[in-house]
Amino acid sequence: MKFFLKRLYHNNMNYYKVWDYLWVMSNTKHEIIFSYNSLGGKLNISKSTLTRALKIHKDLNKEKQYIEITKLDNNQYLLKFYPN
């Protein structure tokens, strides 16, 4: 995950802010529940930028599954980080 965040920091600061927030704010089980509206409001980022930022997890998961995103009720999402 550290390599992924470093790469985002140098390539796109808005994407970095999204993933850094999700990683830091996840609980002890490495999970976080969020909605696009609340996340966009906290980080001052548009919904379209959030959508593009969250699609990056597909590139990271090519070799091994590191991140899983599941849609819940009421426009909320569950994001799980898997340990290396």
PDB file of N, CA and C in Angstrom:
ATOM      1  N   MET A   1       0.827  -1.188   0.000  1.00  0.00           N
ATOM      2  CA  MET A   1       0.000   0.000   0.000  1.00  0.00           C
ATOM      3  C   MET A   1       0.870   1.249   0.000  1.00  0.00           C
ATOM      4  N   LYS A   2       1.993   1.168   0.674  1.00  0.00           N
ATOM      5  CA  LYS A   2       2.883   2.321   0.752  1.00  0.00           C
ATOM      6  C   LYS A   2       3.375   2.734  -0.633  1.00  0.00           C
ATOM      7  N   PHE A   3       3.747   1.764  -1.459  1.00  0.00           N
ATOM      8  CA  PHE A   3       4.203   2.060  -2.813  1.00  0.00           C
ATOM      9  C   PHE A   3       3.083   2.709  -3.628  1.00  0.00           C
ATOM     10  N   PHE A   4       1.872   2.193  -3.488  1.00  0.00           N
ATOM     11  CA  PHE A   4       0.702   2.723  -4.183  1.00  0.00           C
ATOM     12  C   PHE A   4       0.469   4.186  -3.803  1.00  0.00           C
ATOM     13  N   LEU A   5       0.531   4.510  -2.523  1.00  0.00           N
ATOM     14  CA  LEU A   5       0.321   5.885  -2.071  1.00  0.00           C
ATOM     15  C   LEU A   5       1.442   6.810  -2.536  1.00  0.00           C
ATOM     16  N   LYS A   6       2.668   6.321  -2.542  1.00  0.00           N
ATOM     17  CA  LYS A   6       3.783   7.139  -3.032  1.00  0.00           C
ATOM     18  C   LYS A   6       3.605   7.481  -4.505  1.00  0.00           C
ATOM     19  N   ARG A   7       3.195   6.500  -5.294  1.00  0.00           N
ATOM     20  CA  ARG A   7       2.981   6.727  -6.716  1.00  0.00           C
ATOM     21  C   ARG A   7       1.861   7.739  -6.946  1.00  0.00           C
ATOM     22  N   LEU A   8       0.783   7.628  -6.191  1.00  0.00           N
ATOM     23  CA  LEU A   8      -0.319   8.585  -6.317  1.00  0.00           C
ATOM     24  C   LEU A   8       0.103   9.987  -5.903  1.00  0.00           C
ATOM     25  N   TYR A   9       0.915  10.085  -4.875  1.00  0.00           N
ATOM     26  CA  TYR A   9       1.375  11.393  -4.402  1.00  0.00           C
ATOM     27  C   TYR A   9       2.115  12.144  -5.504  1.00  0.00           C
ATOM     28  N   HIS A  10       2.913  11.436  -6.255  1.00  0.00           N
ATOM     29  CA  HIS A  10       3.689  12.080  -7.314  1.00  0.00           C
ATOM     30  C   HIS A  10       2.886  12.291  -8.602  1.00  0.00           C
ATOM     31  N   ASN A  11       1.860  11.463  -8.836  1.00  0.00           N
ATOM     32  CA  ASN A  11       1.103  11.549 -10.086  1.00  0.00           C
ATOM     33  C   ASN A  11      -0.145  12.421 -10.000  1.00  0.00           C
ATOM     34  N   ASN A  12      -0.921  12.309  -8.924  1.00  0.00           N
ATOM     35  CA  ASN A  12      -2.180  13.041  -8.833  1.00  0.00           C
ATOM     36  C   ASN A  12      -2.517  13.290  -7.363  1.00  0.00           C
ATOM     37  N   MET A  13      -2.424  14.528  -6.948  1.00  0.00           N
ATOM     38  CA  MET A  13      -2.619  14.862  -5.542  1.00  0.00           C
ATOM     39  C   MET A  13      -4.059  14.627  -5.074  1.00  0.00           C
ATOM     40  N   ASN A  14      -5.047  14.847  -5.937  1.00  0.00           N
ATOM     41  CA  ASN A  14      -6.440  14.607  -5.526  1.00  0.00           C
ATOM     42  C   ASN A  14      -6.691  13.129  -5.269  1.00  0.00           C
ATOM     43  N   TYR A  15      -6.174  12.266  -6.123  1.00  0.00           N
ATOM     44  CA  TYR A  15      -6.322  10.827  -5.910  1.00  0.00           C
ATOM     45  C   TYR A  15      -5.606  10.417  -4.622  1.00  0.00           C
ATOM     46  N   TYR A  16      -4.454  10.994  -4.396  1.00  0.00           N
ATOM     47  CA  TYR A  16      -3.699  10.697  -3.178  1.00  0.00           C
ATOM     48  C   TYR A  16      -4.506  11.073  -1.942  1.00  0.00           C
ATOM     49  N   LYS A  17      -5.138  12.249  -1.954  1.00  0.00           N
ATOM     50  CA  LYS A  17      -5.933  12.680  -0.805  1.00  0.00           C
ATOM     51  C   LYS A  17      -7.057  11.693  -0.504  1.00  0.00           C
ATOM     52  N   VAL A  18      -7.689  11.180  -1.549  1.00  0.00           N
ATOM     53  CA  VAL A  18      -8.783  10.222  -1.372  1.00  0.00           C
ATOM     54  C   VAL A  18      -8.275   8.936  -0.724  1.00  0.00           C
ATOM     55  N   TRP A  19      -7.243   8.330  -1.319  1.00  0.00           N
ATOM     56  CA  TRP A  19      -6.752   7.050  -0.820  1.00  0.00           C
ATOM     57  C   TRP A  19      -6.059   7.179   0.532  1.00  0.00           C
ATOM     58  N   ASP A  20      -5.372   8.276   0.758  1.00  0.00           N
ATOM     59  CA  ASP A  20      -4.739   8.509   2.047  1.00  0.00           C
ATOM     60  C   ASP A  20      -5.796   8.608   3.138  1.00  0.00           C
ATOM     61  N   TYR A  21      -6.856   9.358   2.886  1.00  0.00           N
ATOM     62  CA  TYR A  21      -7.936   9.493   3.862  1.00  0.00           C
ATOM     63  C   TYR A  21      -8.566   8.134   4.159  1.00  0.00           C
ATOM     64  N   LEU A  22      -8.876   7.362   3.105  1.00  0.00           N
ATOM     65  CA  LEU A  22      -9.509   6.055   3.306  1.00  0.00           C
ATOM     66  C   LEU A  22      -8.603   5.107   4.089  1.00  0.00           C
ATOM     67  N   TRP A  23      -7.310   5.122   3.798  1.00  0.00           N
ATOM     68  CA  TRP A  23      -6.364   4.246   4.499  1.00  0.00           C
ATOM     69  C   TRP A  23      -6.224   4.651   5.961  1.00  0.00           C
ATOM     70  N   VAL A  24      -6.054   5.918   6.224  1.00  0.00           N
ATOM     71  CA  VAL A  24      -5.828   6.400   7.588  1.00  0.00           C
ATOM     72  C   VAL A  24      -7.085   6.259   8.447  1.00  0.00           C
ATOM     73  N   MET A  25      -8.245   6.477   7.860  1.00  0.00           N
ATOM     74  CA  MET A  25      -9.483   6.452   8.632  1.00  0.00           C
ATOM     75  C   MET A  25     -10.102   5.058   8.744  1.00  0.00           C
ATOM     76  N   SER A  26      -9.507   4.051   8.136  1.00  0.00           N
ATOM     77  CA  SER A  26     -10.049   2.691   8.252  1.00  0.00           C
ATOM     78  C   SER A  26      -9.880   2.189   9.682  1.00  0.00           C
ATOM     79  N   ASN A  27     -10.761   1.268  10.059  1.00  0.00           N
ATOM     80  CA  ASN A  27     -10.738   0.750  11.433  1.00  0.00           C
ATOM     81  C   ASN A  27      -9.656  -0.327  11.589  1.00  0.00           C
ATOM     82  N   THR A  28      -9.656  -0.998  12.722  1.00  0.00           N
ATOM     83  CA  THR A  28      -8.625  -2.001  12.999  1.00  0.00           C
ATOM     84  C   THR A  28      -8.749  -3.228  12.096  1.00  0.00           C
ATOM     85  N   LYS A  29      -9.912  -3.428  11.494  1.00  0.00           N
ATOM     86  CA  LYS A  29     -10.091  -4.521  10.541  1.00  0.00           C
ATOM     87  C   LYS A  29      -9.753  -4.077   9.121  1.00  0.00           C
ATOM     88  N   HIS A  30      -9.211  -2.876   8.977  1.00  0.00           N
ATOM     89  CA  HIS A  30      -8.843  -2.287   7.690  1.00  0.00           C
ATOM     90  C   HIS A  30     -10.060  -2.107   6.785  1.00  0.00           C
ATOM     91  N   GLU A  31     -11.177  -1.665   7.392  1.00  0.00           N
ATOM     92  CA  GLU A  31     -12.413  -1.430   6.661  1.00  0.00           C
ATOM     93  C   GLU A  31     -12.903  -0.015   6.923  1.00  0.00           C
ATOM     94  N   ILE A  32     -13.599   0.545   5.954  1.00  0.00           N
ATOM     95  CA  ILE A  32     -14.221   1.845   6.122  1.00  0.00           C
ATOM     96  C   ILE A  32     -15.510   1.868   5.312  1.00  0.00           C
ATOM     97  N   ILE A  33     -16.539   2.462   5.876  1.00  0.00           N
ATOM     98  CA  ILE A  33     -17.804   2.650   5.175  1.00  0.00           C
ATOM     99  C   ILE A  33     -17.914   4.135   4.856  1.00  0.00           C
ATOM    100  N   PHE A  34     -18.220   4.444   3.599  1.00  0.00           N
ATOM    101  CA  PHE A  34     -18.284   5.844   3.173  1.00  0.00           C
ATOM    102  C   PHE A  34     -19.341   6.011   2.097  1.00  0.00           C
ATOM    103  N   SER A  35     -19.708   7.245   1.844  1.00  0.00           N
ATOM    104  CA  SER A  35     -20.549   7.586   0.701  1.00  0.00           C
ATOM    105  C   SER A  35     -19.788   8.625  -0.122  1.00  0.00           C
ATOM    106  N   TYR A  36     -20.114   8.686  -1.384  1.00  0.00           N
ATOM    107  CA  TYR A  36     -19.428   9.645  -2.258  1.00  0.00           C
ATOM    108  C   TYR A  36     -19.673  11.077  -1.795  1.00  0.00           C
ATOM    109  N   ASN A  37     -20.907  11.374  -1.368  1.00  0.00           N
ATOM    110  CA  ASN A  37     -21.228  12.739  -0.951  1.00  0.00           C
ATOM    111  C   ASN A  37     -20.450  13.161   0.288  1.00  0.00           C
ATOM    112  N   SER A  38     -20.392  12.302   1.282  1.00  0.00           N
ATOM    113  CA  SER A  38     -19.672  12.665   2.513  1.00  0.00           C
ATOM    114  C   SER A  38     -18.169  12.757   2.264  1.00  0.00           C
ATOM    115  N   LEU A  39     -17.638  11.829   1.491  1.00  0.00           N
ATOM    116  CA  LEU A  39     -16.203  11.840   1.202  1.00  0.00           C
ATOM    117  C   LEU A  39     -15.824  13.058   0.367  1.00  0.00           C
ATOM    118  N   GLY A  40     -16.636  13.366  -0.627  1.00  0.00           N
ATOM    119  CA  GLY A  40     -16.386  14.540  -1.450  1.00  0.00           C
ATOM    120  C   GLY A  40     -16.468  15.832  -0.647  1.00  0.00           C
ATOM    121  N   GLY A  41     -17.409  15.886   0.285  1.00  0.00           N
ATOM    122  CA  GLY A  41     -17.536  17.072   1.129  1.00  0.00           C
ATOM    123  C   GLY A  41     -16.362  17.253   2.075  1.00  0.00           C
ATOM    124  N   LYS A  42     -15.897  16.162   2.658  1.00  0.00           N
ATOM    125  CA  LYS A  42     -14.759  16.245   3.590  1.00  0.00           C
ATOM    126  C   LYS A  42     -13.469  16.638   2.882  1.00  0.00           C
ATOM    127  N   LEU A  43     -13.283  16.126   1.668  1.00  0.00           N
ATOM    128  CA  LEU A  43     -12.027  16.352   0.950  1.00  0.00           C
ATOM    129  C   LEU A  43     -12.119  17.469  -0.083  1.00  0.00           C
ATOM    130  N   ASN A  44     -13.314  18.026  -0.256  1.00  0.00           N
ATOM    131  CA  ASN A  44     -13.549  19.095  -1.229  1.00  0.00           C
ATOM    132  C   ASN A  44     -13.153  18.649  -2.640  1.00  0.00           C
ATOM    133  N   ILE A  45     -13.658  17.469  -3.019  1.00  0.00           N
ATOM    134  CA  ILE A  45     -13.361  16.875  -4.320  1.00  0.00           C
ATOM    135  C   ILE A  45     -14.689  16.506  -4.980  1.00  0.00           C
ATOM    136  N   SER A  46     -14.798  16.713  -6.282  1.00  0.00           N
ATOM    137  CA  SER A  46     -16.039  16.424  -6.998  1.00  0.00           C
ATOM    138  C   SER A  46     -16.289  14.916  -7.094  1.00  0.00           C
ATOM    139  N   LYS A  47     -17.563  14.565  -7.341  1.00  0.00           N
ATOM    140  CA  LYS A  47     -17.930  13.159  -7.425  1.00  0.00           C
ATOM    141  C   LYS A  47     -17.249  12.475  -8.610  1.00  0.00           C
ATOM    142  N   SER A  48     -17.082  13.187  -9.716  1.00  0.00           N
ATOM    143  CA  SER A  48     -16.428  12.568 -10.877  1.00  0.00           C
ATOM    144  C   SER A  48     -14.961  12.253 -10.582  1.00  0.00           C
ATOM    145  N   THR A  49     -14.279  13.133  -9.851  1.00  0.00           N
ATOM    146  CA  THR A  49     -12.893  12.872  -9.473  1.00  0.00           C
ATOM    147  C   THR A  49     -12.816  11.693  -8.506  1.00  0.00           C
ATOM    148  N   LEU A  50     -13.769  11.604  -7.575  1.00  0.00           N
ATOM    149  CA  LEU A  50     -13.809  10.466  -6.645  1.00  0.00           C
ATOM    150  C   LEU A  50     -14.010   9.153  -7.399  1.00  0.00           C
ATOM    151  N   THR A  51     -14.896   9.171  -8.376  1.00  0.00           N
ATOM    152  CA  THR A  51     -15.152   7.959  -9.158  1.00  0.00           C
ATOM    153  C   THR A  51     -13.891   7.500  -9.874  1.00  0.00           C
ATOM    154  N   ARG A  52     -13.189   8.427 -10.502  1.00  0.00           N
ATOM    155  CA  ARG A  52     -11.939   8.073 -11.200  1.00  0.00           C
ATOM    156  C   ARG A  52     -10.876   7.606 -10.211  1.00  0.00           C
ATOM    157  N   ALA A  53     -10.797   8.254  -9.059  1.00  0.00           N
ATOM    158  CA  ALA A  53      -9.795   7.875  -8.051  1.00  0.00           C
ATOM    159  C   ALA A  53     -10.055   6.469  -7.520  1.00  0.00           C
ATOM    160  N   LEU A  54     -11.316   6.132  -7.299  1.00  0.00           N
ATOM    161  CA  LEU A  54     -11.631   4.815  -6.749  1.00  0.00           C
ATOM    162  C   LEU A  54     -11.488   3.699  -7.779  1.00  0.00           C
ATOM    163  N   LYS A  55     -11.547   4.020  -9.056  1.00  0.00           N
ATOM    164  CA  LYS A  55     -11.357   2.998 -10.094  1.00  0.00           C
ATOM    165  C   LYS A  55      -9.901   2.550 -10.198  1.00  0.00           C
ATOM    166  N   ILE A  56      -8.993   3.289  -9.610  1.00  0.00           N
ATOM    167  CA  ILE A  56      -7.572   2.923  -9.653  1.00  0.00           C
ATOM    168  C   ILE A  56      -7.313   1.602  -8.937  1.00  0.00           C
ATOM    169  N   HIS A  57      -8.184   1.224  -8.008  1.00  0.00           N
ATOM    170  CA  HIS A  57      -7.954  -0.028  -7.278  1.00  0.00           C
ATOM    171  C   HIS A  57      -7.922  -1.228  -8.218  1.00  0.00           C
ATOM    172  N   LYS A  58      -8.558  -1.125  -9.380  1.00  0.00           N
ATOM    173  CA  LYS A  58      -8.529  -2.231 -10.344  1.00  0.00           C
ATOM    174  C   LYS A  58      -7.114  -2.464 -10.872  1.00  0.00           C
ATOM    175  N   ASP A  59      -6.354  -1.391 -11.075  1.00  0.00           N
ATOM    176  CA  ASP A  59      -4.963  -1.527 -11.520  1.00  0.00           C
ATOM    177  C   ASP A  59      -4.105  -2.174 -10.439  1.00  0.00           C
ATOM    178  N   LEU A  60      -4.355  -1.805  -9.211  1.00  0.00           N
ATOM    179  CA  LEU A  60      -3.582  -2.347  -8.096  1.00  0.00           C
ATOM    180  C   LEU A  60      -3.878  -3.830  -7.882  1.00  0.00           C
ATOM    181  N   ASN A  61      -5.114  -4.244  -8.155  1.00  0.00           N
ATOM    182  CA  ASN A  61      -5.540  -5.618  -7.888  1.00  0.00           C
ATOM    183  C   ASN A  61      -5.208  -6.604  -9.004  1.00  0.00           C
ATOM    184  N   LYS A  62      -4.424  -6.207  -9.977  1.00  0.00           N
ATOM    185  CA  LYS A  62      -4.119  -7.109 -11.092  1.00  0.00           C
ATOM    186  C   LYS A  62      -3.315  -8.327 -10.639  1.00  0.00           C
ATOM    187  N   GLU A  63      -2.320  -8.126  -9.802  1.00  0.00           N
ATOM    188  CA  GLU A  63      -1.459  -9.218  -9.357  1.00  0.00           C
ATOM    189  C   GLU A  63      -2.063  -9.983  -8.182  1.00  0.00           C
ATOM    190  N   LYS A  64      -2.625  -9.259  -7.256  1.00  0.00           N
ATOM    191  CA  LYS A  64      -3.179  -9.829  -6.033  1.00  0.00           C
ATOM    192  C   LYS A  64      -4.255  -8.876  -5.546  1.00  0.00           C
ATOM    193  N   GLN A  65      -5.248  -9.382  -4.822  1.00  0.00           N
ATOM    194  CA  GLN A  65      -6.309  -8.499  -4.352  1.00  0.00           C
ATOM    195  C   GLN A  65      -5.869  -7.781  -3.077  1.00  0.00           C
ATOM    196  N   TYR A  66      -5.705  -6.467  -3.197  1.00  0.00           N
ATOM    197  CA  TYR A  66      -5.312  -5.635  -2.073  1.00  0.00           C
ATOM    198  C   TYR A  66      -6.483  -4.826  -1.531  1.00  0.00           C
ATOM    199  N   ILE A  67      -7.444  -4.515  -2.409  1.00  0.00           N
ATOM    200  CA  ILE A  67      -8.561  -3.654  -2.034  1.00  0.00           C
ATOM    201  C   ILE A  67      -9.847  -4.238  -2.598  1.00  0.00           C
ATOM    202  N   GLU A  68     -10.908  -4.206  -1.785  1.00  0.00           N
ATOM    203  CA  GLU A  68     -12.216  -4.666  -2.236  1.00  0.00           C
ATOM    204  C   GLU A  68     -13.237  -3.586  -1.908  1.00  0.00           C
ATOM    205  N   ILE A  69     -14.067  -3.244  -2.885  1.00  0.00           N
ATOM    206  CA  ILE A  69     -15.120  -2.254  -2.673  1.00  0.00           C
ATOM    207  C   ILE A  69     -16.460  -2.930  -2.922  1.00  0.00           C
ATOM    208  N   THR A  70     -17.364  -2.829  -1.939  1.00  0.00           N
ATOM    209  CA  THR A  70     -18.687  -3.431  -2.020  1.00  0.00           C
ATOM    210  C   THR A  70     -19.739  -2.358  -1.819  1.00  0.00           C
ATOM    211  N   LYS A  71     -20.763  -2.333  -2.670  1.00  0.00           N
ATOM    212  CA  LYS A  71     -21.842  -1.361  -2.528  1.00  0.00           C
ATOM    213  C   LYS A  71     -22.829  -1.852  -1.473  1.00  0.00           C
ATOM    214  N   LEU A  72     -23.164  -0.993  -0.523  1.00  0.00           N
ATOM    215  CA  LEU A  72     -24.134  -1.282   0.515  1.00  0.00           C
ATOM    216  C   LEU A  72     -25.423  -0.519   0.215  1.00  0.00           C
ATOM    217  N   ASP A  73     -26.361  -0.543   1.144  1.00  0.00           N
ATOM    218  CA  ASP A  73     -27.594   0.218   0.999  1.00  0.00           C
ATOM    219  C   ASP A  73     -27.345   1.704   1.209  1.00  0.00           C
ATOM    220  N   ASN A  74     -28.298   2.524   0.782  1.00  0.00           N
ATOM    221  CA  ASN A  74     -28.284   3.977   1.006  1.00  0.00           C
ATOM    222  C   ASN A  74     -27.051   4.672   0.437  1.00  0.00           C
ATOM    223  N   ASN A  75     -26.622   4.272  -0.751  1.00  0.00           N
ATOM    224  CA  ASN A  75     -25.481   4.899  -1.431  1.00  0.00           C
ATOM    225  C   ASN A  75     -24.197   4.869  -0.609  1.00  0.00           C
ATOM    226  N   GLN A  76     -24.018   3.846   0.173  1.00  0.00           N
ATOM    227  CA  GLN A  76     -22.791   3.692   0.951  1.00  0.00           C
ATOM    228  C   GLN A  76     -21.976   2.536   0.385  1.00  0.00           C
ATOM    229  N   TYR A  77     -20.679   2.609   0.642  1.00  0.00           N
ATOM    230  CA  TYR A  77     -19.743   1.605   0.142  1.00  0.00           C
ATOM    231  C   TYR A  77     -18.874   1.117   1.285  1.00  0.00           C
ATOM    232  N   LEU A  78     -18.537  -0.156   1.237  1.00  0.00           N
ATOM    233  CA  LEU A  78     -17.611  -0.761   2.190  1.00  0.00           C
ATOM    234  C   LEU A  78     -16.315  -1.013   1.460  1.00  0.00           C
ATOM    235  N   LEU A  79     -15.249  -0.445   1.948  1.00  0.00           N
ATOM    236  CA  LEU A  79     -13.924  -0.630   1.354  1.00  0.00           C
ATOM    237  C   LEU A  79     -13.073  -1.413   2.334  1.00  0.00           C
ATOM    238  N   LYS A  80     -12.462  -2.515   1.857  1.00  0.00           N
ATOM    239  CA  LYS A  80     -11.576  -3.338   2.683  1.00  0.00           C
ATOM    240  C   LYS A  80     -10.191  -3.317   2.090  1.00  0.00           C
ATOM    241  N   PHE A  81      -9.211  -3.097   2.938  1.00  0.00           N
ATOM    242  CA  PHE A  81      -7.810  -3.218   2.559  1.00  0.00           C
ATOM    243  C   PHE A  81      -7.320  -4.572   3.050  1.00  0.00           C
ATOM    244  N   TYR A  82      -6.683  -5.321   2.171  1.00  0.00           N
ATOM    245  CA  TYR A  82      -6.112  -6.610   2.553  1.00  0.00           C
ATOM    246  C   TYR A  82      -4.612  -6.433   2.778  1.00  0.00           C
ATOM    247  N   PRO A  83      -4.087  -7.074   3.815  1.00  0.00           N
ATOM    248  CA  PRO A  83      -2.645  -6.949   4.072  1.00  0.00           C
ATOM    249  C   PRO A  83      -1.826  -7.593   2.963  1.00  0.00           C
ATOM    250  N   ASN A  84      -0.603  -7.106   2.818  1.00  0.00           N
ATOM    251  CA  ASN A  84       0.276  -7.646   1.782  1.00  0.00           C
ATOM    252  C   ASN A  84       0.606  -9.049   2.168  1.00  0.00           C
TER     253      ASN A  84
END
